[in-house]
């Protein structure tokens, strides 16, 4: 990533300045989780969302063509299963452009294939001594990780839609929890929340290049 103010290049995984006048300083970018979803899925959850106009003056509207359209800027790149440049460190456990949800907990890196999360919807896991729960969309690449200090077992309610990101889950005690990208909230006690854990969605080759000791969900159950 590049910023025009200081002409600095930033490491997209760590937020550290790697080229420019800020290299060697104490300045790091604060991690801010994002979602990889569709407009329909997002709008269903956030009906009052406003949208930045395509007529912003920086890029022409045609540059925002849908990724599935052959005219989109990165269509050829995304359609090619391999990378367009050499990769010094790679792992064949997954295809290079397999989408994964990556997380680092207490210095331990782990990657969850999006395809597996999309099928399972809810995944319970433990990294080091930290219990976690992963909630994922059945439709898009959207998935988020939350702290689960009590080791609760969650499932989808019986009336949960088969598509999209779940807006509510239920624990083994029958307690319902509202799902947002920032936290899980006990529906009957809003003071009881499970915070999200910073994570990011990336290609497998990109994650592995900077997390070579990463664990991979599916290798250990």
Protein backbone atom coordinates (compact mmCIF):
# COMPACT_ATOMS: atom_id res chain seq x y z
CA UNK A 1 0.00 0.00 0.00
CA UNK A 2 1.18 3.52 -0.81
CA UNK A 3 0.23 6.84 0.73
CA UNK A 4 0.57 10.11 -1.15
CA UNK A 5 1.19 12.28 1.93
CA UNK A 6 4.54 10.76 2.98
CA UNK A 7 5.28 8.74 -0.17
CA UNK A 8 5.65 5.63 1.98
CA UNK A 9 5.07 2.02 1.00
CA UNK A 10 3.28 0.00 3.70
CA UNK A 11 3.26 -3.73 4.34
CA UNK A 12 -0.35 -4.80 3.83
CA UNK A 13 -0.17 -7.69 6.31
CA UNK A 14 1.69 -6.01 9.18
CA UNK A 15 0.97 -2.31 8.68
CA UNK A 16 4.68 -1.48 8.90
CA UNK A 17 6.37 1.13 6.67
CA UNK A 18 8.83 -0.67 4.39
CA UNK A 19 9.97 2.07 1.97
CA UNK A 20 9.99 5.82 2.66
CA UNK A 21 10.74 8.38 5.32
CA UNK A 22 8.76 6.56 8.03
CA UNK A 23 10.87 3.40 7.91
CA UNK A 24 12.48 2.90 11.30
CA UNK A 25 9.93 5.08 13.07
CA UNK A 26 7.40 3.90 15.64
CA UNK A 27 4.53 4.53 13.21
CA UNK A 28 2.44 1.48 12.33
CA UNK A 29 -1.01 1.32 10.75
CA UNK A 30 -3.74 0.24 13.11
CA UNK A 31 -5.46 -2.93 11.94
CA UNK A 32 -9.10 -2.41 11.00
CA UNK A 33 -11.06 -5.55 10.02
CA UNK A 34 -13.06 -5.44 6.80
CA UNK A 35 -15.55 -7.70 5.07
CA UNK A 36 -15.49 -9.35 1.68
CA UNK A 37 -19.15 -9.59 0.81
CA UNK A 38 -21.72 -8.61 -1.79
CA UNK A 39 -23.80 -5.46 -1.91
CA UNK A 40 -26.97 -7.53 -1.46
CA UNK A 41 -25.68 -9.32 1.61
CA UNK A 42 -24.37 -6.10 3.18
CA UNK A 43 -27.54 -4.13 2.40
CA UNK A 44 -29.71 -6.80 4.02
CA UNK A 45 -27.78 -6.32 7.25
CA UNK A 46 -27.32 -2.55 7.00
CA UNK A 47 -30.32 -1.10 5.14
CA UNK A 48 -29.32 2.52 5.93
CA UNK A 49 -25.90 2.24 4.30
CA UNK A 50 -24.80 5.15 2.12
CA UNK A 51 -22.58 4.69 -0.92
CA UNK A 52 -19.63 6.69 -2.22
CA UNK A 53 -20.41 7.91 -5.71
CA UNK A 54 -18.54 6.43 -8.65
CA UNK A 55 -18.12 9.97 -9.95
CA UNK A 56 -15.43 10.69 -7.39
CA UNK A 57 -12.96 12.28 -9.76
CA UNK A 58 -10.15 9.82 -9.03
CA UNK A 59 -11.11 6.84 -11.16
CA UNK A 60 -13.71 6.70 -13.94
CA UNK A 61 -16.88 4.66 -13.28
CA UNK A 62 -15.93 1.90 -15.72
CA UNK A 63 -13.04 0.87 -13.41
CA UNK A 64 -15.63 -0.40 -10.90
CA UNK A 65 -16.94 -3.11 -13.22
CA UNK A 66 -18.04 -6.25 -11.37
CA UNK A 67 -15.21 -8.76 -10.88
CA UNK A 68 -17.17 -11.44 -12.74
CA UNK A 69 -17.23 -9.25 -15.85
CA UNK A 70 -14.40 -9.92 -18.33
CA UNK A 71 -13.97 -6.16 -18.67
CA UNK A 72 -13.04 -5.71 -15.01
CA UNK A 73 -9.44 -4.69 -14.35
CA UNK A 74 -8.44 -7.79 -12.40
CA UNK A 75 -10.56 -10.36 -14.22
CA UNK A 76 -7.61 -12.06 -15.96
CA UNK A 77 -5.62 -12.09 -12.74
CA UNK A 78 -8.42 -13.65 -10.72
CA UNK A 79 -9.30 -16.14 -13.46
CA UNK A 80 -5.72 -17.46 -13.59
CA UNK A 81 -5.23 -20.02 -10.76
CA UNK A 82 -1.52 -19.20 -10.45
CA UNK A 83 0.23 -15.95 -9.58
CA UNK A 84 1.48 -13.52 -12.23
CA UNK A 85 4.88 -13.20 -10.55
CA UNK A 86 7.42 -15.57 -8.94
CA UNK A 87 6.77 -16.58 -5.34
CA UNK A 88 9.89 -17.16 -3.25
CA UNK A 89 8.15 -19.14 -0.53
CA UNK A 90 5.10 -21.17 -1.36
CA UNK A 91 3.23 -24.17 -0.01
CA UNK A 92 1.34 -26.72 -2.07
CA UNK A 93 -1.21 -27.58 0.63
CA UNK A 94 -3.65 -25.29 -1.21
CA UNK A 95 -3.73 -23.77 -4.67
CA UNK A 96 -1.99 -20.35 -4.66
CA UNK A 97 -5.17 -18.31 -5.03
CA UNK A 98 -7.32 -20.27 -2.62
CA UNK A 99 -9.07 -17.72 -0.44
CA UNK A 100 -8.34 -18.10 3.27
CA UNK A 101 -9.25 -16.34 6.49
CA UNK A 102 -5.99 -15.69 8.31
CA UNK A 103 -5.55 -14.89 12.00
CA UNK A 104 -2.71 -14.51 14.47
CA UNK A 105 -3.40 -15.33 18.12
CA UNK A 106 -0.64 -15.07 20.75
CA UNK A 107 1.98 -15.32 18.01
CA UNK A 108 0.39 -18.39 16.39
CA UNK A 109 -0.76 -18.02 12.79
CA UNK A 110 -3.63 -20.03 11.35
CA UNK A 111 -5.46 -20.08 8.02
CA UNK A 112 -9.01 -21.28 7.36
CA UNK A 113 -9.97 -22.06 3.75
CA UNK A 114 -13.02 -19.97 2.87
CA UNK A 115 -14.59 -22.87 1.01
CA UNK A 116 -14.56 -24.99 4.18
CA UNK A 117 -16.01 -22.14 6.25
CA UNK A 118 -18.70 -21.54 3.66
CA UNK A 119 -19.81 -25.15 4.02
CA UNK A 120 -19.59 -25.41 7.81
CA UNK A 121 -20.89 -21.89 8.62
CA UNK A 122 -19.77 -22.17 12.28
CA UNK A 123 -16.36 -23.52 13.31
CA UNK A 124 -15.11 -23.98 16.89
CA UNK A 125 -11.37 -23.93 17.32
CA UNK A 126 -8.60 -23.41 19.85
CA UNK A 127 -5.32 -21.61 19.14
CA UNK A 128 -2.72 -21.86 21.90
CA UNK A 129 -5.00 -21.68 24.96
CA UNK A 130 -7.62 -19.39 23.39
CA UNK A 131 -11.04 -20.76 22.42
CA UNK A 132 -12.51 -19.20 19.28
CA UNK A 133 -15.60 -19.45 17.13
CA UNK A 134 -15.68 -18.63 13.42
CA UNK A 135 -18.93 -17.54 11.78
CA UNK A 136 -19.11 -17.50 7.98
CA UNK A 137 -21.42 -16.69 5.12
CA UNK A 138 -22.77 -19.54 3.02
CA UNK A 139 -22.74 -17.32 -0.06
CA UNK A 140 -19.71 -15.03 -0.08
CA UNK A 141 -16.18 -14.98 1.31
CA UNK A 142 -17.29 -13.12 4.41
CA UNK A 143 -16.17 -14.74 7.69
CA UNK A 144 -15.25 -13.45 11.15
CA UNK A 145 -13.58 -14.84 14.26
CA UNK A 146 -14.69 -14.18 17.84
CA UNK A 147 -13.31 -14.86 21.30
CA UNK A 148 -15.09 -17.73 23.07
CA UNK A 149 -13.62 -17.80 26.59
CA UNK A 150 -16.35 -20.05 28.03
CA UNK A 151 -15.98 -22.59 25.24
CA UNK A 152 -19.63 -22.30 24.24
CA UNK A 153 -20.88 -24.51 21.42
CA UNK A 154 -22.84 -22.55 18.84
CA UNK A 155 -25.15 -23.60 16.04
CA UNK A 156 -27.49 -21.99 13.56
CA UNK A 157 -31.12 -21.58 14.66
CA UNK A 158 -33.63 -23.81 12.88
CA UNK A 159 -35.08 -20.88 10.95
CA UNK A 160 -31.69 -19.59 9.76
CA UNK A 161 -31.58 -18.76 6.04
CA UNK A 162 -29.54 -21.13 3.93
CA UNK A 163 -27.68 -18.28 2.24
CA UNK A 164 -25.84 -15.18 3.43
CA UNK A 165 -24.06 -14.26 6.64
CA UNK A 166 -26.01 -15.42 9.73
CA UNK A 167 -27.38 -12.59 11.86
CA UNK A 168 -28.15 -14.80 14.84
CA UNK A 169 -26.72 -18.00 16.31
CA UNK A 170 -27.64 -20.04 19.40
CA UNK A 171 -25.49 -21.70 22.06
CA UNK A 172 -25.95 -25.12 23.69
CA UNK A 173 -28.01 -23.55 26.47
CA UNK A 174 -30.57 -22.23 23.99
CA UNK A 175 -29.37 -18.64 24.38
CA UNK A 176 -29.52 -16.62 21.19
CA UNK A 177 -26.65 -14.33 20.14
CA UNK A 178 -26.83 -11.47 17.66
CA UNK A 179 -24.01 -11.54 15.12
CA UNK A 180 -22.19 -8.48 13.83
CA UNK A 181 -18.75 -8.11 12.36
CA UNK A 182 -17.52 -6.46 15.56
CA UNK A 183 -18.93 -8.82 18.19
CA UNK A 184 -21.40 -11.48 19.26
CA UNK A 185 -24.02 -10.08 21.62
CA UNK A 186 -26.17 -12.09 24.00
CA UNK A 187 -29.69 -11.32 22.80
CA UNK A 188 -31.09 -11.33 26.36
CA UNK A 189 -28.16 -9.48 27.98
CA UNK A 190 -26.51 -6.83 25.79
CA UNK A 191 -23.68 -6.41 28.31
CA UNK A 192 -22.52 -9.95 27.54
CA UNK A 193 -20.45 -9.77 24.34
CA UNK A 194 -17.79 -11.83 22.63
CA UNK A 195 -15.34 -9.56 20.83
CA UNK A 196 -14.12 -10.16 17.30
CA UNK A 197 -10.50 -11.11 16.71
CA UNK A 198 -8.63 -9.19 13.98
CA UNK A 199 -8.36 -11.36 10.87
CA UNK A 200 -8.12 -10.87 7.13
CA UNK A 201 -9.14 -12.62 3.95
CA UNK A 202 -6.37 -13.15 1.44
CA UNK A 203 -4.99 -15.56 -1.11
CA UNK A 204 -3.13 -18.56 0.32
CA UNK A 205 0.13 -17.64 -1.41
CA UNK A 206 0.08 -14.14 0.09
CA UNK A 207 -0.69 -15.33 3.61
CA UNK A 208 1.93 -18.11 3.50
CA UNK A 209 4.64 -15.79 2.18
CA UNK A 210 4.55 -13.83 5.43
CA UNK A 211 3.32 -16.56 7.80
CA UNK A 212 5.45 -19.56 6.88
CA UNK A 213 4.82 -21.37 10.18
CA UNK A 214 1.07 -21.06 9.77
CA UNK A 215 -1.26 -23.79 10.85
CA UNK A 216 -3.95 -24.78 8.36
CA UNK A 217 -7.49 -25.64 9.37
CA UNK A 218 -8.31 -29.11 8.13
CA UNK A 219 -4.85 -30.49 8.82
CA UNK A 220 -5.67 -30.87 12.52
CA UNK A 221 -9.43 -31.22 12.38
